[in-house]
Amino acid sequence: MTAYLITGAKIVGGEVADLLIDNGEIVAVGTGLETPQDVETIDASGLIALPGLVDLHTHLREPGREDAETVLTGTRAAAIGGFTAVFAMANTDPVADTAGVVEQVWRLGREAGYADVFPIGAVTVGRQGSQLAELGAMADSAARVRVFSDDGDCVWDAALMRRALEYVKAFDGVIAQHAQEPRLTQGAQMNEGALSGVLGLTGWPSVAEEAIIARDILLNAHVGSRLHICHLSTKGSVEIVRAAKRRGLEVTAEVTPHHLLLTEDLAASYNPVYKVNPPLRTKADVEAVREGLADGTIDIVATDHAPHPVEDKDCEWSAAAPGMTGLETALSVVQHAMVDTGLLTWAEVADRMSYRPAEIGQITDHGRPLEAGVPANVVLVDPSVERIVVPSETASLSRNTPFDGMTLPGKVVATFLRGTPTVLDRKLTR
């Protein structure tokens, strides 16, 4: 394994130092480091060194929808975006509701070698919401599943949700809820409000998200388990989670890059690339989730990378599948919405996009500070450049990015997974 000396990097945006990587670990951090004779030097002047990013919410589509994405192509996109670990959602075909399927996804990630893949197990059989899946078997499998979600669908039955929260306590698991009351969102196409009325599209009201979040926080307080809220999107949801945290309840939450930047106004174009679940919300909601991420009410940024083939998006709005890609643009969007606006420092970005998601997902080799003796999962970012998002240039199989044509700041220059470069000089290494 080649040794690398990264020189002159700003460590999580702070002091300038060198990093020596050898045998898969960070050997030393500082200046005037003693190095092996065969070390390869990388000039990181002006670059920011971050711990490898961790995405708690990714859709890799394999098995079943390899026309949209595979574990290989999805993890290539992850590496380009600076991610060294991703959690793969369970809405595959077959559904990841057994030990066999989660182990398949886990092994595909190991074979690809671009990012570690941690499967998320379904909460219910087939994600149908009627019977608990094999939670214990998935937890005991080689994949060692600790996060469970029916994402794409809500665990709407309160009794079933209570049983799931109770069950995962046995191995300190977490239930990640897609907060959407189905009876309030039948046929929903976009955020409910004046604009949905003007456009003639069925509305998705904020209360459909907020009601489930409030219910599940109460259930979790009763059970004493661990609850995670997926893709929180409304001002009211932020307020509910903030109140729960003030009470010391065990609840965490995530926000997506697109909910940090984009608003419902884009639906006026009727371009299905902007159709997503939960929908893009109002400017007030965007401001609220930014504030919530800044003050720690919202724990992490998660991409909800949701690739779709062309035919699922190149159609009329009502027939289009909801979802947006996000792995390759997430860090740039966070820089644009949070860092360049002064709401977060780079050290806080490391917290929201590496340390905390790794902690919630209970993985120990990722989300570690850049210091001697830890696995060399490292990302180098150039915050000074700007780039125009071009869908055809992405590593993902799918092209449904809502940032098409947008100028975004920052670019990942290098990504190291346990000391092995997956990206160097802004390009995949293989």
Protein backbone atom coordinates (compact mmCIF):
# COMPACT_ATOMS: atom_id res chain seq x y z
CA MET A 1 0.00 0.00 0.00
CA THR A 2 1.37 3.38 -1.04
CA ALA A 3 2.10 5.92 1.68
CA TYR A 4 0.80 9.44 1.11
CA LEU A 5 1.95 12.74 2.57
CA ILE A 6 -0.75 15.40 2.28
CA THR A 7 0.89 18.78 2.78
CA GLY A 8 -0.52 22.16 3.74
CA ALA A 9 -4.16 21.20 4.23
CA LYS A 10 -6.50 23.14 6.49
CA ILE A 11 -7.61 20.51 8.99
CA VAL A 12 -11.44 20.73 9.08
CA GLY A 13 -11.00 24.32 7.92
CA GLY A 14 -8.72 25.30 10.80
CA GLU A 15 -4.98 25.04 11.30
CA VAL A 16 -2.70 24.17 8.39
CA ALA A 17 -0.90 20.84 8.81
CA ASP A 18 0.42 17.81 6.99
CA LEU A 19 -1.13 14.34 7.17
CA LEU A 20 0.90 11.17 6.74
CA ILE A 21 -1.12 8.16 5.60
CA ASP A 22 0.37 4.66 5.65
CA ASN A 23 -0.94 1.12 6.02
CA GLY A 24 -4.53 2.35 5.89
CA GLU A 25 -4.16 4.71 8.85
CA ILE A 26 -3.35 8.31 9.58
CA VAL A 27 0.14 7.90 11.01
CA ALA A 28 0.80 11.50 11.98
CA VAL A 29 -0.65 15.00 11.74
CA GLY A 30 1.56 18.07 12.07
CA THR A 31 4.56 19.72 10.41
CA GLY A 32 8.05 18.44 9.67
CA LEU A 33 6.85 14.84 9.67
CA GLU A 34 9.27 11.97 9.13
CA THR A 35 8.18 10.08 6.04
CA PRO A 36 8.98 6.78 4.31
CA GLN A 37 11.30 6.98 1.30
CA ASP A 38 8.62 5.88 -1.16
CA VAL A 39 5.94 8.32 0.04
CA GLU A 40 3.76 10.04 -2.56
CA THR A 41 3.27 13.73 -1.80
CA ILE A 42 0.01 15.58 -2.46
CA ASP A 43 0.12 19.38 -2.31
CA ALA A 44 -3.07 20.38 -0.50
CA SER A 45 -2.36 24.10 -0.20
CA GLY A 46 -5.66 25.95 -0.05
CA LEU A 47 -7.59 22.70 0.40
CA ILE A 48 -9.68 21.66 3.37
CA ALA A 49 -9.19 18.20 4.87
CA LEU A 50 -12.34 16.58 6.23
CA PRO A 51 -13.01 13.14 7.63
CA GLY A 52 -14.66 10.89 5.05
CA LEU A 53 -18.31 11.84 4.72
CA VAL A 54 -21.03 9.44 5.87
CA ASP A 55 -24.47 9.36 4.25
CA LEU A 56 -27.18 7.82 6.42
CA HIS A 57 -29.75 7.83 3.61
CA THR A 58 -28.83 6.55 0.14
CA HIS A 59 -30.80 4.58 -2.43
CA LEU A 60 -28.51 2.25 -4.39
CA ARG A 61 -31.42 0.39 -6.09
CA GLU A 62 -29.59 -2.95 -6.28
CA PRO A 63 -30.98 -5.59 -6.26
CA GLY A 64 -33.88 -5.09 -8.62
CA ARG A 65 -33.51 -1.69 -10.28
CA GLU A 66 -30.04 -1.86 -11.76
CA ASP A 67 -31.30 0.29 -14.62
CA ALA A 68 -31.38 3.22 -12.19
CA GLU A 69 -28.29 2.52 -10.08
CA THR A 70 -26.05 -0.28 -8.86
CA VAL A 71 -23.97 -0.56 -5.73
CA LEU A 72 -20.90 -0.04 -7.92
CA THR A 73 -22.12 3.09 -9.71
CA GLY A 74 -23.70 4.52 -6.58
CA THR A 75 -20.52 4.16 -4.54
CA ARG A 76 -18.50 5.68 -7.36
CA ALA A 77 -20.80 8.69 -7.15
CA ALA A 78 -20.35 8.64 -3.38
CA ALA A 79 -16.56 8.72 -3.68
CA ILE A 80 -16.69 11.68 -6.08
CA GLY A 81 -18.88 13.46 -3.52
CA GLY A 82 -16.40 12.79 -0.70
CA PHE A 83 -18.30 9.95 0.98
CA THR A 84 -16.46 6.94 2.36
CA ALA A 85 -19.54 5.27 3.87
CA VAL A 86 -23.17 5.12 2.78
CA PHE A 87 -26.25 3.50 4.32
CA ALA A 88 -28.34 1.81 1.64
CA MET A 89 -32.10 2.03 2.03
CA ALA A 90 -34.25 -1.09 1.98
CA ASN A 91 -36.63 -0.29 -0.89
CA THR A 92 -34.97 -2.69 -3.31
CA ASP A 93 -36.55 -5.60 -5.18
CA PRO A 94 -36.57 -7.92 -3.35
CA VAL A 95 -36.95 -5.70 -0.31
CA ALA A 96 -34.04 -5.79 2.14
CA ASP A 97 -36.15 -7.40 4.86
CA THR A 98 -34.09 -10.58 5.43
CA ALA A 99 -30.53 -11.41 6.42
CA GLY A 100 -29.88 -12.77 2.93
CA VAL A 101 -30.69 -9.56 1.09
CA VAL A 102 -28.83 -7.21 3.45
CA GLU A 103 -25.77 -9.47 3.29
CA GLN A 104 -25.94 -9.37 -0.52
CA VAL A 105 -25.90 -5.56 -0.53
CA TRP A 106 -23.12 -5.46 2.06
CA ARG A 107 -20.92 -7.82 0.03
CA LEU A 108 -21.55 -5.89 -3.19
CA GLY A 109 -20.23 -2.80 -1.43
CA ARG A 110 -17.09 -4.63 -0.29
CA GLU A 111 -16.48 -5.90 -3.82
CA ALA A 112 -16.90 -2.44 -5.36
CA GLY A 113 -14.37 -0.85 -3.01
CA TYR A 114 -15.32 2.80 -3.46
CA ALA A 115 -17.19 3.30 -0.17
CA ASP A 116 -18.29 1.07 2.67
CA VAL A 117 -21.95 0.12 2.28
CA PHE A 118 -24.07 -0.45 5.36
CA PRO A 119 -27.50 -1.85 4.49
CA ILE A 120 -30.60 -0.49 6.21
CA GLY A 121 -33.13 -3.21 6.93
CA ALA A 122 -36.85 -2.84 6.34
CA VAL A 123 -39.02 -2.43 9.43
CA THR A 124 -41.87 -4.49 8.01
CA VAL A 125 -42.09 -7.46 5.66
CA GLY A 126 -42.02 -6.17 2.10
CA ARG A 127 -42.34 -2.64 3.52
CA GLN A 128 -46.08 -3.37 3.58
CA GLY A 129 -46.65 -2.05 7.09
CA SER A 130 -48.46 -5.11 8.44
CA GLN A 131 -45.84 -7.41 10.00
CA LEU A 132 -42.41 -6.82 11.52
CA ALA A 133 -39.51 -8.00 9.37
CA GLU A 134 -36.65 -10.19 10.62
CA LEU A 135 -35.02 -7.38 12.59
CA GLY A 136 -33.01 -9.63 14.86
CA ALA A 137 -31.74 -11.83 12.03
CA MET A 138 -30.60 -8.78 10.08
CA ALA A 139 -28.89 -7.40 13.19
CA ASP A 140 -27.05 -10.70 13.70
CA SER A 141 -26.10 -11.08 10.02
CA ALA A 142 -22.69 -10.35 8.51
CA ALA A 143 -24.06 -6.93 7.57
CA ARG A 144 -24.67 -6.17 11.27
CA VAL A 145 -27.70 -3.98 10.54
CA ARG A 146 -28.46 -1.36 13.17
CA VAL A 147 -30.73 1.04 11.26
CA PHE A 148 -34.18 0.00 10.05
CA SER A 149 -36.56 1.93 7.82
CA ASP A 150 -39.47 1.46 5.43
CA ASP A 151 -38.36 4.66 3.72
CA GLY A 152 -40.54 5.51 0.78
CA ASP A 153 -43.42 4.48 3.01
CA CYS A 154 -44.35 5.43 6.54
CA VAL A 155 -44.77 2.94 9.36
CA TRP A 156 -48.21 4.43 9.86
CA ASP A 157 -49.63 1.88 12.34
CA ALA A 158 -48.87 3.20 15.83
CA ALA A 159 -48.97 -0.24 17.45
CA LEU A 160 -46.56 -1.66 14.90
CA MET A 161 -44.25 1.31 15.28
CA ARG A 162 -44.25 0.81 19.05
CA ARG A 163 -43.33 -2.87 18.65
CA ALA A 164 -40.49 -1.97 16.27
CA LEU A 165 -39.08 0.56 18.73
CA GLU A 166 -39.31 -2.00 21.51
CA TYR A 167 -37.68 -4.75 19.44
CA VAL A 168 -34.56 -2.82 18.40
CA LYS A 169 -33.77 -1.94 22.01
CA ALA A 170 -32.32 -5.45 22.35
CA PHE A 171 -29.34 -4.51 20.17
CA ASP A 172 -29.42 -0.70 20.47
CA GLY A 173 -30.89 -0.29 17.00
CA VAL A 174 -32.64 2.74 15.58
CA ILE A 175 -35.88 3.11 13.65
CA ALA A 176 -35.62 5.69 10.88
CA GLN A 177 -39.10 6.93 10.06
CA HIS A 178 -40.39 8.29 6.75
CA ALA A 179 -42.84 10.72 8.33
CA GLN A 180 -45.87 10.83 6.06
CA GLU A 181 -49.43 10.26 7.21
CA PRO A 182 -50.78 8.37 4.16
CA ARG A 183 -54.40 9.42 4.63
CA LEU A 184 -53.42 13.07 4.44
CA THR A 185 -51.30 12.65 1.31
CA GLN A 186 -53.37 10.52 -1.03
CA GLY A 187 -52.50 11.58 -4.57
CA ALA A 188 -50.21 14.33 -3.29
CA GLN A 189 -47.90 15.87 -5.89
CA MET A 190 -46.26 18.90 -4.25
CA ASN A 191 -46.34 21.08 -1.14
CA GLU A 192 -49.86 22.11 -0.18
CA GLY A 193 -50.40 25.85 -0.39
CA ALA A 194 -51.51 28.65 -2.65
CA LEU A 195 -49.14 27.55 -5.40
CA SER A 196 -50.45 23.98 -5.52
CA GLY A 197 -53.93 25.45 -6.02
CA VAL A 198 -52.76 27.67 -8.86
CA LEU A 199 -50.91 24.79 -10.55
CA GLY A 200 -53.76 22.33 -10.06
CA LEU A 201 -51.55 19.79 -8.29
CA THR A 202 -52.78 17.89 -5.23
CA GLY A 203 -51.10 19.24 -2.10
CA TRP A 204 -48.88 17.44 0.45
CA PRO A 205 -49.60 19.33 3.70
CA SER A 206 -46.93 20.02 6.29
CA VAL A 207 -49.12 18.51 8.99
CA ALA A 208 -48.86 15.09 7.32
CA GLU A 209 -45.17 15.09 8.25
CA GLU A 210 -45.49 16.84 11.58
CA ALA A 211 -48.26 14.60 12.92
CA ILE A 212 -46.18 11.45 12.45
CA ILE A 213 -43.09 13.03 13.96
CA ALA A 214 -45.04 14.16 17.03
CA ARG A 215 -46.68 10.74 17.42
CA ASP A 216 -43.42 8.84 17.09
CA ILE A 217 -41.58 11.09 19.53
CA LEU A 218 -44.29 10.34 22.10
CA LEU A 219 -44.10 6.61 21.35
CA ASN A 220 -40.34 6.63 21.64
CA ALA A 221 -40.45 8.54 24.93
CA HIS A 222 -42.80 5.84 26.25
CA VAL A 223 -40.66 2.95 25.00
CA GLY A 224 -37.23 4.45 25.69
CA SER A 225 -35.72 3.47 22.37
CA ARG A 226 -33.97 5.32 19.51
CA LEU A 227 -35.87 7.23 16.81
CA HIS A 228 -34.47 8.94 13.74
CA ILE A 229 -36.52 11.25 11.51
CA CYS A 230 -35.77 10.98 7.79
CA HIS A 231 -35.66 14.02 5.47
CA LEU A 232 -37.32 16.54 7.80
CA SER A 233 -38.68 19.37 5.65
CA THR A 234 -40.98 21.80 7.48
CA LYS A 235 -40.72 24.61 9.99
CA GLY A 236 -43.23 22.84 12.23
CA SER A 237 -41.17 19.64 12.19
CA VAL A 238 -38.10 21.58 13.32
CA GLU A 239 -40.06 23.04 16.22
CA ILE A 240 -41.37 19.61 17.29
CA VAL A 241 -37.90 18.04 17.25
CA ARG A 242 -36.43 21.05 19.05
CA ALA A 243 -38.99 20.70 21.84
CA ALA A 244 -38.26 16.96 22.11
CA LYS A 245 -34.54 17.59 22.46
CA ARG A 246 -35.14 20.17 25.15
CA ARG A 247 -36.88 17.38 27.07
CA GLY A 248 -33.82 15.17 26.60
CA LEU A 249 -35.60 12.61 24.44
CA GLU A 250 -33.66 10.16 22.27
CA VAL A 251 -34.52 11.49 18.82
CA THR A 252 -32.32 12.50 15.91
CA ALA A 253 -33.21 14.07 12.57
CA GLU A 254 -31.80 14.67 9.12
CA VAL A 255 -32.28 17.22 6.35
CA THR A 256 -31.44 16.77 2.68
CA PRO A 257 -29.32 19.16 0.61
CA HIS A 258 -32.26 19.92 -1.68
CA HIS A 259 -34.48 20.93 1.24
CA LEU A 260 -31.71 23.30 2.36
CA LEU A 261 -31.70 25.13 -0.94
CA LEU A 262 -34.70 24.62 -3.22
CA THR A 263 -38.30 25.78 -2.80
CA GLU A 264 -41.73 24.80 -4.08
CA ASP A 265 -41.59 27.60 -6.67
CA LEU A 266 -39.67 25.24 -8.96
CA ALA A 267 -42.81 23.11 -9.35
CA ALA A 268 -44.25 25.91 -11.48
CA SER A 269 -42.05 24.64 -14.31
CA TYR A 270 -43.88 21.28 -14.20
CA ASN A 271 -40.43 19.70 -14.65
CA PRO A 272 -40.60 16.33 -12.84
CA VAL A 273 -36.95 16.59 -11.83
CA TYR A 274 -38.25 18.78 -8.99
CA LYS A 275 -40.77 16.19 -7.81
CA VAL A 276 -39.61 14.65 -4.55
CA ASN A 277 -41.00 13.12 -1.35
CA PRO A 278 -41.31 14.99 0.94
CA PRO A 279 -41.89 17.81 -1.52
CA LEU A 280 -39.90 21.00 -1.84
CA ARG A 281 -41.39 23.42 0.67
CA THR A 282 -41.64 27.19 1.14
CA LYS A 283 -38.89 29.74 1.65
CA ALA A 284 -39.87 29.95 5.34
CA ASP A 285 -39.40 26.18 5.65
CA VAL A 286 -35.98 26.38 4.00
CA GLU A 287 -34.94 29.09 6.43
CA ALA A 288 -36.22 27.01 9.36
CA VAL A 289 -34.35 23.83 8.40
CA ARG A 290 -31.16 25.82 7.86
CA GLU A 291 -31.54 27.31 11.33
CA GLY A 292 -32.31 23.87 12.75
CA LEU A 293 -29.18 22.38 11.19
CA ALA A 294 -27.08 25.29 12.43
CA ASP A 295 -28.23 25.05 16.05
CA GLY A 296 -28.08 21.25 16.20
CA THR A 297 -31.81 20.58 16.31
CA ILE A 298 -31.29 18.72 13.04
CA ASP A 299 -28.36 16.40 13.62
CA ILE A 300 -27.15 15.58 10.14
CA VAL A 301 -27.31 16.17 6.41
CA ALA A 302 -28.32 13.04 4.47
CA THR A 303 -28.58 13.02 0.70
CA ASP A 304 -31.65 10.82 0.08
CA HIS A 305 -29.86 10.07 -3.21
CA ALA A 306 -32.75 8.68 -5.27
CA PRO A 307 -31.69 7.80 -8.82
CA HIS A 308 -34.31 7.09 -11.50
CA PRO A 309 -33.98 6.02 -15.15
CA VAL A 310 -34.93 8.55 -17.82
CA GLU A 311 -38.37 7.08 -18.49
CA ASP A 312 -39.40 7.54 -14.84
CA LYS A 313 -38.71 11.28 -15.00
CA ASP A 314 -39.18 12.18 -18.67
CA CYS A 315 -42.95 12.19 -18.44
CA GLU A 316 -45.79 14.31 -17.10
CA TRP A 317 -45.48 15.45 -13.49
CA SER A 318 -48.27 13.30 -12.05
CA ALA A 319 -46.80 10.11 -13.56
CA ALA A 320 -43.19 10.80 -12.58
CA ALA A 321 -41.39 9.02 -9.77
CA PRO A 322 -40.38 11.25 -6.84
CA GLY A 323 -36.72 11.61 -6.02
CA MET A 324 -33.45 13.36 -6.82
CA THR A 325 -29.82 12.33 -7.03
CA GLY A 326 -27.55 13.99 -4.50
CA LEU A 327 -24.30 12.19 -3.62
CA GLU A 328 -22.07 14.16 -5.98
CA THR A 329 -23.48 17.60 -5.16
CA ALA A 330 -24.25 17.34 -1.42
CA LEU A 331 -21.09 18.93 -0.08
CA SER A 332 -21.26 21.78 -2.58
CA VAL A 333 -24.88 22.50 -1.68
CA VAL A 334 -24.03 22.51 2.03
CA GLN A 335 -21.14 24.88 1.37
CA HIS A 336 -23.44 27.16 -0.63
CA ALA A 337 -26.39 27.10 1.78
CA MET A 338 -24.63 26.84 5.13
CA VAL A 339 -20.91 27.64 5.01
CA ASP A 340 -20.82 30.54 2.58
CA THR A 341 -23.78 32.08 4.44
CA GLY A 342 -21.95 31.86 7.77
CA LEU A 343 -24.40 29.40 9.31
CA LEU A 344 -21.86 26.58 9.69
CA THR A 345 -18.08 26.33 9.92
CA TRP A 346 -16.19 23.56 8.16
CA ALA A 347 -15.66 21.91 11.53
CA GLU A 348 -19.43 21.87 11.97
CA VAL A 349 -19.82 20.43 8.46
CA ALA A 350 -17.55 17.58 9.56
CA ASP A 351 -19.83 17.10 12.54
CA ARG A 352 -23.09 17.09 10.54
CA MET A 353 -21.79 15.05 7.59
CA SER A 354 -19.33 12.65 9.20
CA TYR A 355 -19.17 12.39 13.00
CA ARG A 356 -22.87 12.40 13.82
CA PRO A 357 -24.16 10.18 10.99
CA ALA A 358 -21.50 7.61 11.88
CA GLU A 359 -22.58 7.79 15.52
CA ILE A 360 -26.28 7.38 14.69
CA GLY A 361 -25.50 4.47 12.38
CA GLN A 362 -23.13 2.92 14.95
CA ILE A 363 -20.10 2.51 12.74
CA THR A 364 -16.70 2.97 14.34
CA ASP A 365 -14.23 3.10 11.43
CA HIS A 366 -15.82 6.24 9.96
CA GLY A 367 -16.66 9.63 11.38
CA ARG A 368 -13.39 9.87 13.30
CA PRO A 369 -11.33 13.04 13.87
CA LEU A 370 -8.30 13.45 11.64
CA GLU A 371 -5.66 12.32 14.11
CA ALA A 372 -2.97 9.69 14.38
CA GLY A 373 -4.10 6.09 14.79
CA VAL A 374 -7.49 6.30 13.08
CA PRO A 375 -8.49 4.77 9.73
CA ALA A 376 -7.41 7.03 6.87
CA ASN A 377 -10.85 8.00 5.60
CA VAL A 378 -10.03 11.48 4.37
CA VAL A 379 -11.50 13.99 1.91
CA LEU A 380 -9.72 16.98 0.39
CA VAL A 381 -11.98 19.78 -0.77
CA ASP A 382 -11.20 22.90 -2.76
CA PRO A 383 -13.73 25.47 -1.50
CA SER A 384 -12.54 28.24 -3.83
CA VAL A 385 -13.63 26.78 -7.16
CA GLU A 386 -17.03 26.94 -8.78
CA ARG A 387 -18.50 24.36 -11.12
CA ILE A 388 -21.59 24.07 -13.26
CA VAL A 389 -23.58 20.90 -12.62
CA VAL A 390 -23.81 18.83 -15.81
CA PRO A 391 -25.92 15.67 -15.42
CA SER A 392 -24.15 13.78 -18.23
CA GLU A 393 -20.84 14.10 -16.36
CA THR A 394 -22.03 12.31 -13.22
CA ALA A 395 -20.86 8.86 -12.11
CA SER A 396 -24.39 7.85 -11.18
CA LEU A 397 -26.32 5.86 -13.76
CA SER A 398 -29.18 8.34 -13.40
CA ARG A 399 -29.33 11.99 -14.38
CA ASN A 400 -32.21 13.33 -12.28
CA THR A 401 -30.33 16.08 -10.47
CA PRO A 402 -32.35 19.19 -9.57
CA PHE A 403 -29.15 21.24 -9.75
CA ASP A 404 -28.75 20.82 -13.52
CA GLY A 405 -27.07 23.95 -14.90
CA MET A 406 -26.63 25.51 -11.47
CA THR A 407 -23.27 26.99 -10.46
CA LEU A 408 -22.18 25.54 -7.11
CA PRO A 409 -19.06 26.20 -5.04
CA GLY A 410 -16.46 23.66 -3.99
CA LYS A 411 -15.09 20.47 -5.47
CA VAL A 412 -13.76 17.25 -3.98
CA VAL A 413 -10.13 16.88 -5.06
CA ALA A 414 -9.33 13.56 -3.37
CA THR A 415 -11.07 10.86 -1.35
CA PHE A 416 -9.22 8.18 0.61
CA LEU A 417 -10.91 5.02 1.87
CA ARG A 418 -8.70 3.43 4.53
CA GLY A 419 -5.63 4.96 2.92
CA THR A 420 -6.50 3.92 -0.63
CA PRO A 421 -7.40 6.78 -2.96
CA THR A 422 -10.75 6.37 -4.69
CA VAL A 423 -10.56 9.88 -6.12
CA LEU A 424 -7.37 11.76 -7.00
CA ASP A 425 -7.05 15.06 -8.83
CA ARG A 426 -10.87 15.26 -8.98
CA LYS A 427 -11.20 11.95 -10.86
CA LEU A 428 -11.95 8.36 -9.96
CA THR A 429 -8.77 6.34 -9.66
CA ARG A 430 -10.21 3.34 -11.54
